[in-house]
């Protein structure tokens, strides 16, 4: 599958807009200027050893903005449950990228340096063992959605058969570890569906309550308070039109505050 950078940027921006309507209303979206973000230089990304296509991709990424202060300078919105966006514009990210310590690089930990092949770009990655990493490969055009616990909570899609070509490739064994392979369009649609089904619920941009896919929809109390929030969402018209519109977010927040789940 050929990679279409423009289409991927469009899909990512569309998902950010969806998230802004759902839980990130105070996080405006910034698109890269012509020629890319000037603060994302070849030197800043040297520790990742990316090829030209991946570098162009990184320099062209849109971002959700979030208020920062010196005491919380590493805060970025979460794209998925426990999975903050990697903001390649930030100086602390540049320092981590070029560090000799593999554990602090803002990339999936693969025990390799660089962590990922030259064609791959990590969009968000977890800082814990409970989230995900999302990597887009500018060579094959696919999105690699990896669960940090090593076992995805959703059955493997048909595209996972494409992983067979990496059977004897040590540098690409990370693709097998709890990873599902998707087209970009399918990946973002699957994420939206988790919101529609109230598998993911958020009140703030840096925390998403999540119920795994293997838990039945009538057992949302698996995660404390999640079932209450889901009930309140239904009361205010969720899922609305299915694209984050036509529901009463302000009333939802007021009801949650009153219920204190």
C-alpha atoms as a PDB file:
ATOM      1  CA  UNK A   1       0.000   0.000   0.000  1.00  0.00           C
ATOM      2  CA  UNK A   2       1.510   3.342  -1.038  1.00  0.00           C
ATOM      3  CA  UNK A   3       1.760   5.933   1.723  1.00  0.00           C
ATOM      4  CA  UNK A   4      -0.120   9.183   1.129  1.00  0.00           C
ATOM      5  CA  UNK A   5       1.249  11.772   3.544  1.00  0.00           C
ATOM      6  CA  UNK A   6      -1.381  14.363   2.700  1.00  0.00           C
ATOM      7  CA  UNK A   7      -4.203  11.903   3.346  1.00  0.00           C
ATOM      8  CA  UNK A   8      -2.668  10.765   6.626  1.00  0.00           C
ATOM      9  CA  UNK A   9      -2.327  14.368   7.814  1.00  0.00           C
ATOM     10  CA  UNK A  10      -5.971  14.955   6.849  1.00  0.00           C
ATOM     11  CA  UNK A  11      -7.131  11.893   8.796  1.00  0.00           C
ATOM     12  CA  UNK A  12      -5.050  12.798  11.850  1.00  0.00           C
ATOM     13  CA  UNK A  13      -6.359  16.377  11.809  1.00  0.00           C
ATOM     14  CA  UNK A  14      -9.919  15.079  11.454  1.00  0.00           C
ATOM     15  CA  UNK A  15      -9.415  12.825  14.483  1.00  0.00           C
ATOM     16  CA  UNK A  16      -8.012  15.748  16.483  1.00  0.00           C
ATOM     17  CA  UNK A  17     -11.124  17.741  15.560  1.00  0.00           C
ATOM     18  CA  UNK A  18     -13.309  14.836  16.696  1.00  0.00           C
ATOM     19  CA  UNK A  19     -11.411  14.674  19.999  1.00  0.00           C
ATOM     20  CA  UNK A  20     -11.780  18.407  20.460  1.00  0.00           C
ATOM     21  CA  UNK A  21     -15.556  18.095  20.216  1.00  0.00           C
ATOM     22  CA  UNK A  22     -15.567  15.173  22.644  1.00  0.00           C
ATOM     23  CA  UNK A  23     -13.031  15.994  25.374  1.00  0.00           C
ATOM     24  CA  UNK A  24     -10.306  18.384  24.174  1.00  0.00           C
ATOM     25  CA  UNK A  25     -12.372  21.512  23.564  1.00  0.00           C
ATOM     26  CA  UNK A  26      -9.653  23.695  25.110  1.00  0.00           C
ATOM     27  CA  UNK A  27      -6.929  22.251  22.872  1.00  0.00           C
ATOM     28  CA  UNK A  28      -6.832  24.140  19.555  1.00  0.00           C
ATOM     29  CA  UNK A  29      -5.254  22.406  16.577  1.00  0.00           C
ATOM     30  CA  UNK A  30      -2.097  23.831  15.036  1.00  0.00           C
ATOM     31  CA  UNK A  31      -1.096  22.854  11.502  1.00  0.00           C
ATOM     32  CA  UNK A  32       2.502  23.036  10.340  1.00  0.00           C
ATOM     33  CA  UNK A  33       3.601  26.117   8.387  1.00  0.00           C
ATOM     34  CA  UNK A  34       4.747  25.745   4.757  1.00  0.00           C
ATOM     35  CA  UNK A  35       7.974  23.773   4.770  1.00  0.00           C
ATOM     36  CA  UNK A  36       7.256  22.212   8.157  1.00  0.00           C
ATOM     37  CA  UNK A  37       7.854  23.182  11.778  1.00  0.00           C
ATOM     38  CA  UNK A  38      11.132  25.168  11.871  1.00  0.00           C
ATOM     39  CA  UNK A  39      12.037  23.875  15.347  1.00  0.00           C
ATOM     40  CA  UNK A  40      12.031  20.275  14.090  1.00  0.00           C
ATOM     41  CA  UNK A  41      15.476  20.118  12.517  1.00  0.00           C
ATOM     42  CA  UNK A  42      17.545  17.230  11.218  1.00  0.00           C
ATOM     43  CA  UNK A  43      19.851  17.717  14.207  1.00  0.00           C
ATOM     44  CA  UNK A  44      16.950  17.582  16.669  1.00  0.00           C
ATOM     45  CA  UNK A  45      15.853  14.213  15.261  1.00  0.00           C
ATOM     46  CA  UNK A  46      19.337  12.789  14.642  1.00  0.00           C
ATOM     47  CA  UNK A  47      18.936  10.122  17.328  1.00  0.00           C
ATOM     48  CA  UNK A  48      16.049   8.536  15.409  1.00  0.00           C
ATOM     49  CA  UNK A  49      17.997   8.117  12.133  1.00  0.00           C
ATOM     50  CA  UNK A  50      14.952   8.690   9.939  1.00  0.00           C
ATOM     51  CA  UNK A  51      14.884   8.705   6.152  1.00  0.00           C
ATOM     52  CA  UNK A  52      13.690  11.677   4.109  1.00  0.00           C
ATOM     53  CA  UNK A  53      10.049  10.567   3.901  1.00  0.00           C
ATOM     54  CA  UNK A  54       9.801  10.038   7.658  1.00  0.00           C
ATOM     55  CA  UNK A  55      11.527  13.360   8.394  1.00  0.00           C
ATOM     56  CA  UNK A  56       9.121  15.188   6.087  1.00  0.00           C
ATOM     57  CA  UNK A  57       6.227  13.475   7.812  1.00  0.00           C
ATOM     58  CA  UNK A  58       7.399  14.450  11.304  1.00  0.00           C
ATOM     59  CA  UNK A  59       7.966  18.062  10.270  1.00  0.00           C
ATOM     60  CA  UNK A  60       4.438  18.224   8.802  1.00  0.00           C
ATOM     61  CA  UNK A  61       2.422  16.778  11.697  1.00  0.00           C
ATOM     62  CA  UNK A  62      -0.463  18.794  13.177  1.00  0.00           C
ATOM     63  CA  UNK A  63      -0.737  19.114  16.948  1.00  0.00           C
ATOM     64  CA  UNK A  64      -3.327  19.615  19.610  1.00  0.00           C
ATOM     65  CA  UNK A  65      -2.123  22.447  21.828  1.00  0.00           C
ATOM     66  CA  UNK A  66      -2.393  22.322  25.601  1.00  0.00           C
ATOM     67  CA  UNK A  67      -1.528  24.904  28.245  1.00  0.00           C
ATOM     68  CA  UNK A  68       1.975  24.427  29.593  1.00  0.00           C
ATOM     69  CA  UNK A  69       3.819  25.836  32.553  1.00  0.00           C
ATOM     70  CA  UNK A  70       7.325  25.226  33.949  1.00  0.00           C
ATOM     71  CA  UNK A  71       5.970  22.763  36.512  1.00  0.00           C
ATOM     72  CA  UNK A  72       4.177  20.645  33.912  1.00  0.00           C
ATOM     73  CA  UNK A  73       6.135  21.205  30.732  1.00  0.00           C
ATOM     74  CA  UNK A  74       5.862  17.614  29.467  1.00  0.00           C
ATOM     75  CA  UNK A  75       2.062  17.490  29.367  1.00  0.00           C
ATOM     76  CA  UNK A  76       0.537  16.676  25.971  1.00  0.00           C
ATOM     77  CA  UNK A  77      -2.997  15.508  25.126  1.00  0.00           C
ATOM     78  CA  UNK A  78      -3.683  11.794  25.030  1.00  0.00           C
ATOM     79  CA  UNK A  79      -4.557  10.443  21.604  1.00  0.00           C
ATOM     80  CA  UNK A  80      -5.634   7.070  23.048  1.00  0.00           C
ATOM     81  CA  UNK A  81      -5.963   5.609  26.549  1.00  0.00           C
ATOM     82  CA  UNK A  82      -2.713   6.246  28.498  1.00  0.00           C
ATOM     83  CA  UNK A  83      -1.076   7.331  25.238  1.00  0.00           C
ATOM     84  CA  UNK A  84       0.129  10.945  24.967  1.00  0.00           C
ATOM     85  CA  UNK A  85       1.085  12.568  21.695  1.00  0.00           C
ATOM     86  CA  UNK A  86       4.803  12.871  20.936  1.00  0.00           C
ATOM     87  CA  UNK A  87       5.281  16.590  20.291  1.00  0.00           C
ATOM     88  CA  UNK A  88       8.410  16.667  18.152  1.00  0.00           C
ATOM     89  CA  UNK A  89       8.565  20.469  18.422  1.00  0.00           C
ATOM     90  CA  UNK A  90       9.574  20.464  22.095  1.00  0.00           C
ATOM     91  CA  UNK A  91      13.160  20.808  23.278  1.00  0.00           C
ATOM     92  CA  UNK A  92      12.807  18.146  25.979  1.00  0.00           C
ATOM     93  CA  UNK A  93      11.684  15.707  23.268  1.00  0.00           C
ATOM     94  CA  UNK A  94      14.800  16.575  21.248  1.00  0.00           C
ATOM     95  CA  UNK A  95      16.964  15.914  24.317  1.00  0.00           C
ATOM     96  CA  UNK A  96      15.285  12.553  24.900  1.00  0.00           C
ATOM     97  CA  UNK A  97      15.604  11.577  21.238  1.00  0.00           C
ATOM     98  CA  UNK A  98      19.353  12.200  21.294  1.00  0.00           C
ATOM     99  CA  UNK A  99      19.950  10.602  24.683  1.00  0.00           C
ATOM    100  CA  UNK A 100      22.055   7.454  25.020  1.00  0.00           C
ATOM    101  CA  UNK A 101      19.382   6.018  27.319  1.00  0.00           C
ATOM    102  CA  UNK A 102      16.984   3.990  25.191  1.00  0.00           C
ATOM    103  CA  UNK A 103      14.346   3.936  27.929  1.00  0.00           C
ATOM    104  CA  UNK A 104      13.714   7.685  27.778  1.00  0.00           C
ATOM    105  CA  UNK A 105      13.400   8.043  24.011  1.00  0.00           C
ATOM    106  CA  UNK A 106       9.786   9.014  23.137  1.00  0.00           C
ATOM    107  CA  UNK A 107       9.391   5.895  21.023  1.00  0.00           C
ATOM    108  CA  UNK A 108       8.199   2.325  21.597  1.00  0.00           C
ATOM    109  CA  UNK A 109      10.890   0.505  23.581  1.00  0.00           C
ATOM    110  CA  UNK A 110      12.387  -2.138  21.294  1.00  0.00           C
ATOM    111  CA  UNK A 111      15.817  -2.599  22.925  1.00  0.00           C
ATOM    112  CA  UNK A 112      17.358  -1.235  19.724  1.00  0.00           C
ATOM    113  CA  UNK A 113      19.001   2.065  18.809  1.00  0.00           C
ATOM    114  CA  UNK A 114      17.344   3.607  16.922  1.00  0.00           C
ATOM    115  CA  UNK A 115      14.138   2.022  18.274  1.00  0.00           C
ATOM    116  CA  UNK A 116      12.299   1.927  14.920  1.00  0.00           C
ATOM    117  CA  UNK A 117      13.229   1.531  11.236  1.00  0.00           C
ATOM    118  CA  UNK A 118      14.118   4.672   9.284  1.00  0.00           C
ATOM    119  CA  UNK A 119      10.725   4.785   7.534  1.00  0.00           C
ATOM    120  CA  UNK A 120       8.605   4.637  10.707  1.00  0.00           C
ATOM    121  CA  UNK A 121       7.093   7.558  12.625  1.00  0.00           C
ATOM    122  CA  UNK A 122       5.685   7.239  16.145  1.00  0.00           C
ATOM    123  CA  UNK A 123       2.673   9.532  16.620  1.00  0.00           C
ATOM    124  CA  UNK A 124       1.808   8.827  20.296  1.00  0.00           C
ATOM    125  CA  UNK A 125       3.366   6.371  22.718  1.00  0.00           C
ATOM    126  CA  UNK A 126       2.572   5.282  26.244  1.00  0.00           C
ATOM    127  CA  UNK A 127       4.674   6.222  29.248  1.00  0.00           C
ATOM    128  CA  UNK A 128       3.279   3.275  31.224  1.00  0.00           C
ATOM    129  CA  UNK A 129       2.555  -0.417  30.704  1.00  0.00           C
ATOM    130  CA  UNK A 130      -1.169   0.216  30.196  1.00  0.00           C
ATOM    131  CA  UNK A 131      -1.341   2.214  26.979  1.00  0.00           C
ATOM    132  CA  UNK A 132      -0.386   1.934  23.342  1.00  0.00           C
ATOM    133  CA  UNK A 133       2.043   3.017  20.684  1.00  0.00           C
ATOM    134  CA  UNK A 134       0.885   4.091  17.242  1.00  0.00           C
ATOM    135  CA  UNK A 135       3.449   3.964  14.457  1.00  0.00           C
ATOM    136  CA  UNK A 136       2.895   4.808  10.801  1.00  0.00           C
ATOM    137  CA  UNK A 137       5.307   3.319   8.265  1.00  0.00           C
ATOM    138  CA  UNK A 138       5.918   5.697   5.372  1.00  0.00           C
ATOM    139  CA  UNK A 139       7.227   2.772   3.327  1.00  0.00           C
ATOM    140  CA  UNK A 140       4.222   0.431   3.399  1.00  0.00           C
ATOM    141  CA  UNK A 141       1.551   2.987   4.387  1.00  0.00           C
ATOM    142  CA  UNK A 142       0.181   0.989   7.329  1.00  0.00           C
ATOM    143  CA  UNK A 143      -0.542   1.990  10.924  1.00  0.00           C
ATOM    144  CA  UNK A 144       0.891  -0.322  13.587  1.00  0.00           C
ATOM    145  CA  UNK A 145      -1.243  -0.108  16.743  1.00  0.00           C
ATOM    146  CA  UNK A 146       0.628  -1.805  19.599  1.00  0.00           C
ATOM    147  CA  UNK A 147      -0.632  -2.636  23.078  1.00  0.00           C
ATOM    148  CA  UNK A 148       2.161  -2.139  25.631  1.00  0.00           C
ATOM    149  CA  UNK A 149       1.070  -5.260  27.526  1.00  0.00           C
ATOM    150  CA  UNK A 150       1.846  -7.391  24.491  1.00  0.00           C
ATOM    151  CA  UNK A 151      -1.683  -8.608  23.776  1.00  0.00           C
ATOM    152  CA  UNK A 152      -4.131  -6.414  21.894  1.00  0.00           C
ATOM    153  CA  UNK A 153      -7.665  -6.303  23.303  1.00  0.00           C
ATOM    154  CA  UNK A 154      -9.153  -6.706  19.817  1.00  0.00           C
ATOM    155  CA  UNK A 155      -8.697  -9.741  17.502  1.00  0.00           C
ATOM    156  CA  UNK A 156      -6.052  -9.470  14.807  1.00  0.00           C
ATOM    157  CA  UNK A 157      -7.349  -7.870  11.596  1.00  0.00           C
ATOM    158  CA  UNK A 158      -6.772  -9.303   8.124  1.00  0.00           C
ATOM    159  CA  UNK A 159      -3.788  -7.021   7.547  1.00  0.00           C
ATOM    160  CA  UNK A 160      -1.828  -8.772  10.297  1.00  0.00           C
ATOM    161  CA  UNK A 161      -1.036 -11.385   7.646  1.00  0.00           C
ATOM    162  CA  UNK A 162       1.328  -8.814   6.127  1.00  0.00           C
ATOM    163  CA  UNK A 163       3.592  -9.284   9.154  1.00  0.00           C
ATOM    164  CA  UNK A 164       4.785 -12.608   7.750  1.00  0.00           C
ATOM    165  CA  UNK A 165       7.313 -10.768   5.601  1.00  0.00           C
ATOM    166  CA  UNK A 166       9.177  -9.775   8.784  1.00  0.00           C
ATOM    167  CA  UNK A 167       9.534 -13.322  10.160  1.00  0.00           C
ATOM    168  CA  UNK A 168      13.335 -13.381   9.940  1.00  0.00           C
ATOM    169  CA  UNK A 169      13.934  -9.659  10.348  1.00  0.00           C
ATOM    170  CA  UNK A 170      15.307  -8.895  13.812  1.00  0.00           C
ATOM    171  CA  UNK A 171      14.920  -5.130  13.369  1.00  0.00           C
ATOM    172  CA  UNK A 172      11.177  -5.535  12.855  1.00  0.00           C
ATOM    173  CA  UNK A 173      10.235  -7.980  15.583  1.00  0.00           C
ATOM    174  CA  UNK A 174       8.533  -5.106  17.453  1.00  0.00           C
ATOM    175  CA  UNK A 175       5.735  -5.337  14.872  1.00  0.00           C
ATOM    176  CA  UNK A 176       4.669  -8.700  16.331  1.00  0.00           C
ATOM    177  CA  UNK A 177       4.415  -7.598  19.964  1.00  0.00           C
ATOM    178  CA  UNK A 178       0.737  -6.986  20.675  1.00  0.00           C
ATOM    179  CA  UNK A 179       0.332  -5.190  17.354  1.00  0.00           C
ATOM    180  CA  UNK A 180      -2.629  -4.865  15.002  1.00  0.00           C
ATOM    181  CA  UNK A 181      -2.070  -3.556  11.476  1.00  0.00           C
ATOM    182  CA  UNK A 182      -4.554  -1.158   9.867  1.00  0.00           C
ATOM    183  CA  UNK A 183      -4.924   1.259   7.020  1.00  0.00           C
ATOM    184  CA  UNK A 184      -4.865   4.837   8.368  1.00  0.00           C
ATOM    185  CA  UNK A 185      -8.573   5.331   7.604  1.00  0.00           C
ATOM    186  CA  UNK A 186      -9.562   2.121   9.412  1.00  0.00           C
ATOM    187  CA  UNK A 187      -7.382   2.946  12.413  1.00  0.00           C
ATOM    188  CA  UNK A 188      -8.927   6.348  13.058  1.00  0.00           C
ATOM    189  CA  UNK A 189     -12.430   4.984  12.506  1.00  0.00           C
ATOM    190  CA  UNK A 190     -11.785   2.241  15.077  1.00  0.00           C
ATOM    191  CA  UNK A 191     -10.674   4.880  17.575  1.00  0.00           C
ATOM    192  CA  UNK A 192     -13.822   6.928  16.974  1.00  0.00           C
ATOM    193  CA  UNK A 193     -15.925   3.804  17.424  1.00  0.00           C
ATOM    194  CA  UNK A 194     -14.487   3.233  20.899  1.00  0.00           C
ATOM    195  CA  UNK A 195     -15.672   6.707  21.850  1.00  0.00           C
ATOM    196  CA  UNK A 196     -19.117   6.119  20.327  1.00  0.00           C
ATOM    197  CA  UNK A 197     -19.477   2.849  22.228  1.00  0.00           C
ATOM    198  CA  UNK A 198     -18.263   4.595  25.411  1.00  0.00           C
ATOM    199  CA  UNK A 199     -15.318   2.225  25.708  1.00  0.00           C
ATOM    200  CA  UNK A 200     -13.316   5.430  26.073  1.00  0.00           C
ATOM    201  CA  UNK A 201     -14.611   8.347  28.142  1.00  0.00           C
ATOM    202  CA  UNK A 202     -12.658  11.476  29.048  1.00  0.00           C
ATOM    203  CA  UNK A 203     -13.231  14.632  31.044  1.00  0.00           C
ATOM    204  CA  UNK A 204      -9.764  16.108  30.465  1.00  0.00           C
ATOM    205  CA  UNK A 205      -7.277  15.926  27.566  1.00  0.00           C
ATOM    206  CA  UNK A 206      -4.639  14.044  29.567  1.00  0.00           C
ATOM    207  CA  UNK A 207      -6.739  11.200  30.997  1.00  0.00           C
ATOM    208  CA  UNK A 208      -8.997   8.693  29.232  1.00  0.00           C
ATOM    209  CA  UNK A 209     -10.990   6.097  31.159  1.00  0.00           C
ATOM    210  CA  UNK A 210     -11.018   2.879  29.121  1.00  0.00           C
ATOM    211  CA  UNK A 211     -12.864  -0.439  29.176  1.00  0.00           C
ATOM    212  CA  UNK A 212     -11.144  -3.187  27.127  1.00  0.00           C
ATOM    213  CA  UNK A 213     -12.954  -4.681  24.159  1.00  0.00           C
ATOM    214  CA  UNK A 214     -13.115  -8.120  25.787  1.00  0.00           C
ATOM    215  CA  UNK A 215     -15.344  -6.737  28.570  1.00  0.00           C
ATOM    216  CA  UNK A 216     -19.084  -6.932  27.804  1.00  0.00           C
ATOM    217  CA  UNK A 217     -20.912  -3.647  27.312  1.00  0.00           C
ATOM    218  CA  UNK A 218     -23.110  -4.371  30.345  1.00  0.00           C
ATOM    219  CA  UNK A 219     -20.031  -4.725  32.581  1.00  0.00           C
ATOM    220  CA  UNK A 220     -18.550  -1.239  32.322  1.00  0.00           C
ATOM    221  CA  UNK A 221     -18.226  -1.212  36.122  1.00  0.00           C
ATOM    222  CA  UNK A 222     -15.066  -3.259  35.411  1.00  0.00           C
ATOM    223  CA  UNK A 223     -13.416   0.177  35.545  1.00  0.00           C
ATOM    224  CA  UNK A 224     -14.559   2.061  38.673  1.00  0.00           C
ATOM    225  CA  UNK A 225     -16.896   4.920  37.786  1.00  0.00           C
ATOM    226  CA  UNK A 226     -16.926   4.181  34.059  1.00  0.00           C
ATOM    227  CA  UNK A 227     -20.442   2.739  34.127  1.00  0.00           C
ATOM    228  CA  UNK A 228     -21.764   5.874  35.836  1.00  0.00           C
ATOM    229  CA  UNK A 229     -20.163   8.147  33.255  1.00  0.00           C
ATOM    230  CA  UNK A 230     -21.569   6.001  30.439  1.00  0.00           C
ATOM    231  CA  UNK A 231     -25.076   6.274  31.901  1.00  0.00           C
ATOM    232  CA  UNK A 232     -24.735  10.047  32.194  1.00  0.00           C
ATOM    233  CA  UNK A 233     -23.483  10.288  28.617  1.00  0.00           C
ATOM    234  CA  UNK A 234     -26.628   8.549  27.396  1.00  0.00           C
ATOM    235  CA  UNK A 235     -28.729  11.029  29.372  1.00  0.00           C
ATOM    236  CA  UNK A 236     -27.197  13.980  27.508  1.00  0.00           C
ATOM    237  CA  UNK A 237     -27.670  12.510  24.029  1.00  0.00           C
ATOM    238  CA  UNK A 238     -24.441  10.648  23.380  1.00  0.00           C
ATOM    239  CA  UNK A 239     -23.331   9.554  20.791  1.00  0.00           C
ATOM    240  CA  UNK A 240     -25.145  12.409  19.072  1.00  0.00           C
ATOM    241  CA  UNK A 241     -24.520  12.375  15.344  1.00  0.00           C
ATOM    242  CA  UNK A 242     -21.616   9.938  15.753  1.00  0.00           C
ATOM    243  CA  UNK A 243     -18.991  12.541  14.927  1.00  0.00           C
ATOM    244  CA  UNK A 244     -18.830  14.286  18.291  1.00  0.00           C
ATOM    245  CA  UNK A 245     -21.732  16.673  17.682  1.00  0.00           C
ATOM    246  CA  UNK A 246     -25.344  16.977  18.870  1.00  0.00           C
ATOM    247  CA  UNK A 247     -24.906  16.130  22.535  1.00  0.00           C
ATOM    248  CA  UNK A 248     -24.723  18.305  25.653  1.00  0.00           C
ATOM    249  CA  UNK A 249     -21.157  18.230  26.952  1.00  0.00           C
ATOM    250  CA  UNK A 250     -21.666  20.998  29.519  1.00  0.00           C
ATOM    251  CA  UNK A 251     -24.606  19.160  31.056  1.00  0.00           C
ATOM    252  CA  UNK A 252     -22.571  15.956  31.075  1.00  0.00           C
ATOM    253  CA  UNK A 253     -19.749  17.636  33.009  1.00  0.00           C
ATOM    254  CA  UNK A 254     -22.253  19.082  35.478  1.00  0.00           C
ATOM    255  CA  UNK A 255     -23.876  15.676  36.019  1.00  0.00           C
ATOM    256  CA  UNK A 256     -20.489  14.016  36.523  1.00  0.00           C
ATOM    257  CA  UNK A 257     -19.525  16.646  39.086  1.00  0.00           C
ATOM    258  CA  UNK A 258     -22.789  16.040  40.920  1.00  0.00           C
ATOM    259  CA  UNK A 259     -22.500  12.239  40.802  1.00  0.00           C
ATOM    260  CA  UNK A 260     -18.774  12.254  41.697  1.00  0.00           C
ATOM    261  CA  UNK A 261     -18.207   8.709  40.362  1.00  0.00           C
END
